[in-house]
Amino acid sequence: MMDSKIQERAAKIRLLLMDVDGVLTDGLLYNIPGPEGEYIETKGFHAQDGIALQWLAWNGIQTGVISGRVSKALDVRAAQVGMTYIYQGHIEKVPILEEIVKKSGLDLSEVAYAGDDLTDVPILRRVGLAFAPADARAEVKRRAHHITTAGGGAGAVREMAEILLRARGFWDGLLKKYEVE
């Protein structure tokens, strides 16, 4: 059973924004040699997080990322799961949040954000629903409205999506679609 205060906040959410490393991934970065001797950075994404992001999109809940790093792997993943907003290379995230809110026409109370490290705290303090994965820094967890049981890159985003889908009344439809009884 979901906490009533979290459910109330989640019912208003129309956009889920996230940090990437430590939220969508486990935070590990892999440098793989490329064909010209250069190194290519890549990362791993959880399949259950991916399908949950697609379910959000199908149900009119937009998604996006604000990341301090730049990654081609993220570009590919964002396209695969139908993200609306992809901002990379931004350690100072509040101006990006403000830009997204202005573009979307949403109120901050309609925005959820998931972060795991100190650079995420200023956004967590501003949005309607603040998430942190189980392995987030303690300082971040103190600012979160909800802490997932799963760690970053290990199903945390799936948990967040399910909270939003349940609160917005879409979960039962998904269960029916997949013949889950």
Protein backbone atom coordinates (compact mmCIF):
# COMPACT_ATOMS: atom_id res chain seq x y z
CA MET A 1 0.00 0.00 0.00
CA MET A 2 1.35 3.40 -1.00
CA ASP A 3 1.72 6.17 1.58
CA SER A 4 -1.23 8.57 1.13
CA LYS A 5 1.00 11.65 0.94
CA ILE A 6 3.14 10.05 -1.78
CA GLN A 7 0.02 8.94 -3.63
CA GLU A 8 -1.38 12.48 -3.49
CA ARG A 9 1.85 13.93 -4.89
CA ALA A 10 2.19 11.18 -7.51
CA ALA A 11 -1.36 11.69 -8.79
CA LYS A 12 -0.36 15.19 -9.98
CA ILE A 13 2.81 14.15 -11.84
CA ARG A 14 2.89 14.64 -15.62
CA LEU A 15 6.68 14.57 -16.06
CA LEU A 16 9.37 12.35 -14.54
CA LEU A 17 12.89 13.76 -14.84
CA MET A 18 15.95 11.80 -13.74
CA ASP A 19 19.65 11.93 -13.25
CA VAL A 20 21.36 9.18 -15.24
CA ASP A 21 24.42 7.69 -13.52
CA GLY A 22 23.23 6.21 -10.25
CA VAL A 23 19.53 6.36 -11.17
CA LEU A 24 19.05 4.91 -14.67
CA THR A 25 22.36 3.08 -14.29
CA ASP A 26 24.29 1.63 -11.39
CA GLY A 27 26.80 4.46 -11.78
CA LEU A 28 29.55 2.34 -13.31
CA LEU A 29 31.15 3.73 -16.47
CA TYR A 30 32.79 1.37 -18.96
CA ASN A 31 35.57 2.60 -21.27
CA ILE A 32 35.83 0.24 -24.22
CA PRO A 33 38.54 0.54 -26.91
CA GLY A 34 37.16 1.72 -30.24
CA PRO A 35 38.36 0.76 -33.73
CA GLU A 36 40.71 3.77 -34.00
CA GLY A 37 42.34 3.20 -30.60
CA GLU A 38 40.12 5.76 -28.86
CA TYR A 39 38.02 4.83 -25.86
CA ILE A 40 34.24 4.82 -25.98
CA GLU A 41 32.32 5.27 -22.76
CA THR A 42 29.24 3.11 -22.30
CA LYS A 43 26.93 2.06 -19.50
CA GLY A 44 24.25 -0.51 -18.77
CA PHE A 45 20.51 0.08 -18.45
CA HIS A 46 17.94 -2.15 -16.75
CA ALA A 47 15.31 -3.65 -19.08
CA GLN A 48 12.49 -3.29 -16.52
CA ASP A 49 13.27 0.42 -16.15
CA GLY A 50 13.06 0.74 -19.93
CA ILE A 51 9.65 -0.81 -20.36
CA ALA A 52 8.31 1.19 -17.43
CA LEU A 53 9.49 4.41 -19.10
CA GLN A 54 7.62 3.34 -22.23
CA TRP A 55 4.47 2.69 -20.17
CA LEU A 56 4.71 6.21 -18.76
CA ALA A 57 4.94 7.64 -22.28
CA TRP A 58 1.96 5.56 -23.46
CA ASN A 59 -0.08 7.00 -20.59
CA GLY A 60 0.81 10.63 -21.21
CA ILE A 61 3.50 11.00 -18.56
CA GLN A 62 6.57 12.53 -20.17
CA THR A 63 10.09 11.56 -19.15
CA GLY A 64 13.53 13.07 -19.44
CA VAL A 65 17.05 13.25 -18.08
CA ILE A 66 19.40 15.92 -16.81
CA SER A 67 22.92 14.54 -16.64
CA GLY A 68 26.29 15.99 -15.80
CA ARG A 69 27.97 13.62 -18.25
CA VAL A 70 27.64 13.31 -22.02
CA SER A 71 27.05 9.81 -23.39
CA LYS A 72 26.10 8.44 -26.80
CA ALA A 73 24.76 5.37 -25.01
CA LEU A 74 22.25 7.63 -23.26
CA ASP A 75 21.14 9.15 -26.57
CA VAL A 76 20.33 5.65 -27.85
CA ARG A 77 18.55 4.59 -24.66
CA ALA A 78 16.51 7.81 -24.47
CA ALA A 79 15.27 7.27 -28.02
CA GLN A 80 14.45 3.60 -27.29
CA VAL A 81 12.22 4.47 -24.33
CA GLY A 82 10.61 7.60 -25.81
CA MET A 83 12.06 10.30 -23.59
CA THR A 84 10.93 13.86 -24.28
CA TYR A 85 13.77 15.80 -22.66
CA ILE A 86 17.46 14.87 -22.94
CA TYR A 87 19.96 17.28 -21.41
CA GLN A 88 23.58 16.16 -21.04
CA GLY A 89 26.70 17.91 -19.78
CA HIS A 90 24.93 19.97 -17.11
CA ILE A 91 26.20 19.74 -13.55
CA GLU A 92 24.21 22.85 -12.59
CA LYS A 93 20.76 21.41 -13.11
CA VAL A 94 18.35 24.05 -11.82
CA PRO A 95 18.57 26.24 -14.96
CA ILE A 96 17.77 23.15 -17.05
CA LEU A 97 14.80 22.32 -14.82
CA GLU A 98 13.54 25.89 -15.26
CA GLU A 99 13.95 25.61 -19.05
CA ILE A 100 12.05 22.31 -19.15
CA VAL A 101 9.23 23.65 -16.98
CA LYS A 102 8.92 26.69 -19.23
CA LYS A 103 8.89 24.54 -22.42
CA SER A 104 6.41 22.04 -21.02
CA GLY A 105 4.04 24.57 -19.49
CA LEU A 106 3.86 22.43 -16.35
CA ASP A 107 3.91 23.60 -12.77
CA LEU A 108 6.73 22.29 -10.56
CA SER A 109 4.10 20.39 -8.55
CA GLU A 110 3.49 18.30 -11.70
CA VAL A 111 7.17 17.33 -12.01
CA ALA A 112 8.90 14.41 -10.28
CA TYR A 113 12.67 14.08 -10.17
CA ALA A 114 14.93 11.16 -9.27
CA GLY A 115 18.47 11.80 -8.12
CA ASP A 116 21.23 10.06 -6.20
CA ASP A 117 23.99 12.61 -5.54
CA LEU A 118 24.55 16.11 -4.21
CA THR A 119 24.10 17.83 -7.59
CA ASP A 120 20.51 16.57 -7.60
CA VAL A 121 19.44 18.06 -4.26
CA PRO A 122 18.57 21.55 -5.59
CA ILE A 123 16.06 19.97 -7.99
CA LEU A 124 14.70 17.55 -5.40
CA ARG A 125 13.91 20.57 -3.22
CA ARG A 126 11.86 22.22 -6.01
CA VAL A 127 9.71 19.49 -7.56
CA GLY A 128 6.36 18.05 -6.56
CA LEU A 129 7.71 14.54 -5.95
CA ALA A 130 11.34 13.78 -5.13
CA PHE A 131 12.64 10.22 -5.56
CA ALA A 132 15.96 8.68 -4.53
CA PRO A 133 17.17 5.15 -5.28
CA ALA A 134 18.05 2.91 -2.33
CA ASP A 135 21.79 3.46 -2.84
CA ALA A 136 21.64 7.26 -3.09
CA ARG A 137 23.84 9.38 -0.85
CA ALA A 138 22.40 9.93 2.65
CA GLU A 139 22.13 13.68 2.06
CA VAL A 140 19.97 12.99 -1.00
CA LYS A 141 17.73 10.50 0.78
CA ARG A 142 16.96 13.15 3.41
CA ARG A 143 15.51 15.39 0.66
CA ALA A 144 13.49 12.65 -1.05
CA HIS A 145 9.79 12.13 -0.53
CA HIS A 146 10.24 8.47 -1.46
CA ILE A 147 13.25 6.14 -1.45
CA THR A 148 12.99 3.05 -3.64
CA THR A 149 13.86 -0.42 -2.41
CA ALA A 150 15.96 -1.02 -5.55
CA GLY A 151 19.23 0.69 -6.29
CA GLY A 152 20.05 2.82 -9.30
CA GLY A 153 20.22 0.78 -12.50
CA ALA A 154 18.63 -2.16 -10.69
CA GLY A 155 14.92 -1.41 -11.08
CA ALA A 156 14.61 1.85 -9.12
CA VAL A 157 13.04 3.66 -12.09
CA ARG A 158 10.57 0.78 -12.51
CA GLU A 159 9.46 1.31 -8.90
CA MET A 160 9.05 5.03 -9.48
CA ALA A 161 7.04 4.44 -12.65
CA GLU A 162 4.75 1.97 -10.92
CA ILE A 163 4.05 4.52 -8.18
CA LEU A 164 3.12 7.12 -10.79
CA LEU A 165 1.05 4.70 -12.87
CA ARG A 166 -0.86 3.45 -9.82
CA ALA A 167 -1.52 6.96 -8.50
CA ARG A 168 -2.71 8.18 -11.90
CA GLY A 169 -5.03 5.17 -12.30
CA PHE A 170 -3.18 3.48 -15.19
CA TRP A 171 -1.78 0.39 -13.45
CA ASP A 172 -4.91 -1.78 -13.65
CA GLY A 173 -5.11 -1.11 -17.39
CA LEU A 174 -1.55 -2.34 -17.85
CA LEU A 175 -2.28 -5.48 -15.84
CA LYS A 176 -5.33 -6.12 -18.02
CA LYS A 177 -3.35 -5.46 -21.22
CA TYR A 178 -0.80 -8.11 -20.22
CA GLU A 179 -3.46 -10.50 -18.93
CA VAL A 180 -2.17 -10.38 -15.37
CA GLU A 181 -4.81 -11.45 -12.90
